[in-house]
Amino acid sequence: MEVAAFDATTGSFVYSFTFGATTKSHIFPTITAQSFFVSPNQAVAIAGDLSVSNPSGDSLTAYWVEDLGGGSGHLTVGGVSKADGQWFPATSNWGNVRYVGGPSAGADQLEVAAYDATTRSYVFSGFSATTMNQFNPVAPSSNDTEALLGSAHASNLDLLINYAASSFVNHDCAAITAKQLTATADLQPFLANGHG
């Protein structure tokens, strides 16, 4: 490419150096959504499970969310519960949207969309929100503990640790490990009496 200007004083043209122009290809935005798990009736923001890639810098002007159903949970937008099967507008990057786990186990299929004003089109992504079964902490009964402590040899300590690790469960469904139990004060008297 070249450009030129006519110099009326001298009656001649002035030319530029040759230069090039490259057409940059457009890359459409994408939304990446991660499926997640919640406890019954637990409310979590969905924004942390979503990311938008917008390499061409398109103007994303509107955000939407929908619960397609399938589980017993629901969406809230701005703190207001929303029905399944309908699109609802959200704030930028879905910052005001939460998913509330249902009262029973199941998976809801969620979908989000963003309007791309640059290309006049929508970008979509789907993912799931799963309500897990409720597990309440359960401690072994005193009868069970006495039976396990009855004899003074190492296998009973191993049995106690394995029993306790499978009996004490927290709200995230992660069992307390035998290593964690060994360090607890509850087992110190047992270990001090030669049961270990």
Protein backbone atom coordinates (compact mmCIF):
# COMPACT_ATOMS: atom_id res chain seq x y z
CA MET A 1 0.00 0.00 0.00
CA GLU A 2 1.05 3.59 -0.64
CA VAL A 3 -0.43 7.03 -0.01
CA ALA A 4 0.34 10.28 -1.82
CA ALA A 5 -0.33 14.00 -1.46
CA PHE A 6 -0.25 16.55 -4.27
CA ASP A 7 1.97 19.57 -3.58
CA ALA A 8 0.36 22.48 -5.54
CA THR A 9 3.34 24.75 -4.88
CA THR A 10 5.77 22.48 -6.67
CA GLY A 11 3.22 20.81 -8.91
CA SER A 12 4.35 17.34 -7.80
CA PHE A 13 3.23 14.40 -5.67
CA VAL A 14 4.77 13.37 -2.39
CA TYR A 15 4.66 9.61 -1.80
CA SER A 16 4.80 7.57 1.39
CA PHE A 17 6.87 4.50 2.00
CA THR A 18 5.09 1.28 1.10
CA PHE A 19 3.26 -0.27 4.05
CA GLY A 20 0.97 -3.23 4.63
CA ALA A 21 -2.36 -3.80 6.37
CA THR A 22 -3.47 -7.10 7.83
CA THR A 23 -7.09 -8.00 8.48
CA LYS A 24 -7.37 -9.49 11.95
CA SER A 25 -9.69 -12.48 12.19
CA HIS A 26 -12.52 -12.22 14.69
CA ILE A 27 -12.68 -14.77 17.52
CA PHE A 28 -16.09 -15.23 19.11
CA PRO A 29 -16.40 -15.13 22.92
CA THR A 30 -16.90 -18.39 24.79
CA ILE A 31 -18.25 -19.27 28.23
CA THR A 32 -16.71 -22.15 30.19
CA ALA A 33 -18.91 -23.57 32.95
CA GLN A 34 -17.90 -26.06 35.65
CA SER A 35 -20.49 -28.39 37.15
CA PHE A 36 -20.59 -28.36 40.97
CA PHE A 37 -22.03 -30.07 44.07
CA VAL A 38 -23.93 -28.60 47.01
CA SER A 39 -25.44 -29.86 50.25
CA PRO A 40 -29.24 -29.81 50.67
CA ASN A 41 -30.57 -26.25 51.04
CA GLN A 42 -27.05 -24.78 50.64
CA ALA A 43 -26.92 -21.58 48.53
CA VAL A 44 -23.83 -20.96 46.39
CA ALA A 45 -22.91 -18.24 43.89
CA ILE A 46 -22.54 -19.64 40.37
CA ALA A 47 -20.17 -16.89 39.16
CA GLY A 48 -17.14 -18.74 40.52
CA ASP A 49 -17.93 -21.70 38.28
CA LEU A 50 -18.11 -19.58 35.11
CA SER A 51 -15.41 -17.92 33.04
CA VAL A 52 -15.71 -15.86 29.87
CA SER A 53 -13.06 -15.76 27.15
CA ASN A 54 -13.39 -12.70 24.91
CA PRO A 55 -10.17 -12.42 22.87
CA SER A 56 -11.58 -9.98 20.30
CA GLY A 57 -12.95 -7.65 22.98
CA ASP A 58 -16.57 -7.93 21.87
CA SER A 59 -19.16 -5.87 23.72
CA LEU A 60 -21.06 -8.26 26.02
CA THR A 61 -24.08 -6.26 27.12
CA ALA A 62 -26.51 -8.70 28.76
CA TYR A 63 -26.28 -11.86 30.85
CA TRP A 64 -28.97 -14.52 31.29
CA VAL A 65 -29.49 -17.72 33.31
CA GLU A 66 -31.95 -20.62 33.21
CA ASP A 67 -32.60 -23.73 35.32
CA LEU A 68 -33.77 -26.43 32.91
CA GLY A 69 -34.85 -28.63 35.83
CA GLY A 70 -34.13 -32.24 36.66
CA GLY A 71 -33.33 -31.86 40.36
CA SER A 72 -35.00 -30.40 43.43
CA GLY A 73 -32.89 -27.22 43.70
CA HIS A 74 -33.58 -23.77 42.25
CA LEU A 75 -31.95 -20.51 41.19
CA THR A 76 -32.21 -17.15 42.87
CA VAL A 77 -31.48 -13.93 41.00
CA GLY A 78 -30.99 -10.89 43.21
CA GLY A 79 -32.25 -12.93 46.16
CA VAL A 80 -35.55 -13.86 44.47
CA SER A 81 -36.36 -17.53 43.77
CA LYS A 82 -36.90 -18.32 40.09
CA ALA A 83 -38.97 -21.03 38.41
CA ASP A 84 -37.48 -23.72 36.20
CA GLY A 85 -37.67 -23.53 32.42
CA GLN A 86 -37.39 -19.74 31.99
CA TRP A 87 -34.58 -17.34 31.13
CA PHE A 88 -33.87 -14.58 33.66
CA PRO A 89 -31.61 -11.53 33.22
CA ALA A 90 -28.61 -11.31 35.56
CA THR A 91 -25.97 -8.72 36.38
CA SER A 92 -22.57 -8.68 34.70
CA ASN A 93 -20.85 -12.08 34.86
CA TRP A 94 -23.87 -13.51 36.73
CA GLY A 95 -22.76 -11.85 39.98
CA ASN A 96 -26.26 -11.85 41.50
CA VAL A 97 -27.15 -15.49 40.73
CA ARG A 98 -27.12 -18.25 43.34
CA TYR A 99 -28.08 -21.91 43.17
CA VAL A 100 -29.88 -23.34 46.20
CA GLY A 101 -29.57 -27.09 46.71
CA GLY A 102 -32.83 -28.95 46.96
CA PRO A 103 -34.16 -30.89 49.97
CA SER A 104 -33.26 -34.20 48.29
CA ALA A 105 -30.45 -35.51 46.09
CA GLY A 106 -30.59 -34.78 42.37
CA ALA A 107 -29.04 -32.79 39.53
CA ASP A 108 -30.41 -29.66 37.89
CA GLN A 109 -29.25 -28.71 34.41
CA LEU A 110 -28.34 -25.02 34.24
CA GLU A 111 -27.66 -22.82 31.24
CA VAL A 112 -26.13 -19.35 30.97
CA ALA A 113 -25.98 -16.94 28.06
CA ALA A 114 -24.36 -13.62 27.23
CA TYR A 115 -25.46 -11.25 24.47
CA ASP A 116 -22.64 -10.19 22.15
CA ALA A 117 -23.61 -6.75 20.81
CA THR A 118 -20.62 -6.74 18.45
CA THR A 119 -21.84 -9.78 16.47
CA ARG A 120 -25.52 -9.48 17.52
CA SER A 121 -25.56 -13.04 18.73
CA TYR A 122 -25.73 -15.03 21.98
CA VAL A 123 -23.05 -17.19 23.56
CA PHE A 124 -24.32 -20.19 25.57
CA SER A 125 -22.94 -22.76 28.02
CA GLY A 126 -24.59 -25.56 29.99
CA PHE A 127 -23.58 -27.30 33.22
CA SER A 128 -25.10 -29.15 36.16
CA ALA A 129 -25.65 -28.39 39.84
CA THR A 130 -25.99 -31.53 41.96
CA THR A 131 -27.52 -31.69 45.42
CA MET A 132 -25.79 -34.45 47.40
CA ASN A 133 -27.34 -36.74 50.00
CA GLN A 134 -27.30 -35.25 53.49
CA PHE A 135 -24.80 -36.88 55.84
CA ASN A 136 -25.03 -35.91 59.50
CA PRO A 137 -22.13 -36.49 61.90
CA VAL A 138 -22.56 -39.82 63.69
CA ALA A 139 -20.43 -40.85 66.67
CA PRO A 140 -20.03 -44.48 67.76
CA SER A 141 -22.06 -45.44 70.81
CA SER A 142 -20.37 -46.04 74.15
CA ASN A 143 -21.16 -49.79 73.85
CA ASP A 144 -19.37 -49.96 70.50
CA THR A 145 -16.35 -48.11 71.91
CA GLU A 146 -16.15 -50.36 74.99
CA ALA A 147 -16.25 -53.46 72.80
CA LEU A 148 -13.42 -52.11 70.67
CA LEU A 149 -11.30 -51.19 73.72
CA GLY A 150 -11.89 -54.53 75.47
CA SER A 151 -8.58 -56.15 74.61
CA ALA A 152 -5.14 -54.54 74.80
CA HIS A 153 -3.48 -55.27 71.49
CA ALA A 154 -2.62 -53.24 68.43
CA SER A 155 -5.32 -54.71 66.19
CA ASN A 156 -8.01 -53.20 68.44
CA LEU A 157 -6.48 -49.73 68.01
CA ASP A 158 -6.50 -50.20 64.24
CA LEU A 159 -10.12 -51.36 64.44
CA LEU A 160 -11.05 -48.32 66.57
CA ILE A 161 -9.38 -45.91 64.18
CA ASN A 162 -11.04 -47.50 61.13
CA TYR A 163 -14.42 -47.57 62.87
CA ALA A 164 -14.15 -43.94 63.94
CA ALA A 165 -12.94 -42.83 60.52
CA SER A 166 -16.01 -44.39 58.94
CA SER A 167 -18.38 -43.14 61.67
CA PHE A 168 -17.40 -39.48 61.99
CA VAL A 169 -18.44 -37.74 58.79
CA ASN A 170 -18.60 -33.98 58.27
CA HIS A 171 -21.13 -32.00 56.21
CA ASP A 172 -18.92 -32.11 53.11
CA CYS A 173 -19.03 -35.92 53.16
CA ALA A 174 -15.29 -36.18 53.82
CA ALA A 175 -14.43 -38.85 56.39
CA ILE A 176 -11.95 -37.97 59.11
CA THR A 177 -8.78 -39.90 58.36
CA ALA A 178 -7.07 -42.34 60.68
CA LYS A 179 -4.01 -40.08 60.74
CA GLN A 180 -6.16 -37.18 62.02
CA LEU A 181 -7.78 -39.41 64.67
CA THR A 182 -4.43 -40.67 65.96
CA ALA A 183 -3.47 -37.09 66.84
CA THR A 184 -6.67 -36.29 68.73
CA ALA A 185 -6.78 -35.92 72.50
CA ASP A 186 -9.55 -38.53 72.71
CA LEU A 187 -7.15 -41.33 71.82
CA GLN A 188 -4.24 -40.17 74.01
CA PRO A 189 -5.43 -41.93 77.21
CA PHE A 190 -6.00 -45.13 75.20
CA LEU A 191 -2.50 -44.94 73.72
CA ALA A 192 -0.94 -44.07 77.10
CA ASN A 193 -2.39 -47.25 78.65
CA GLY A 194 -0.43 -49.45 76.29
CA HIS A 195 -3.22 -50.19 73.81
CA GLY A 196 -1.14 -48.89 70.92
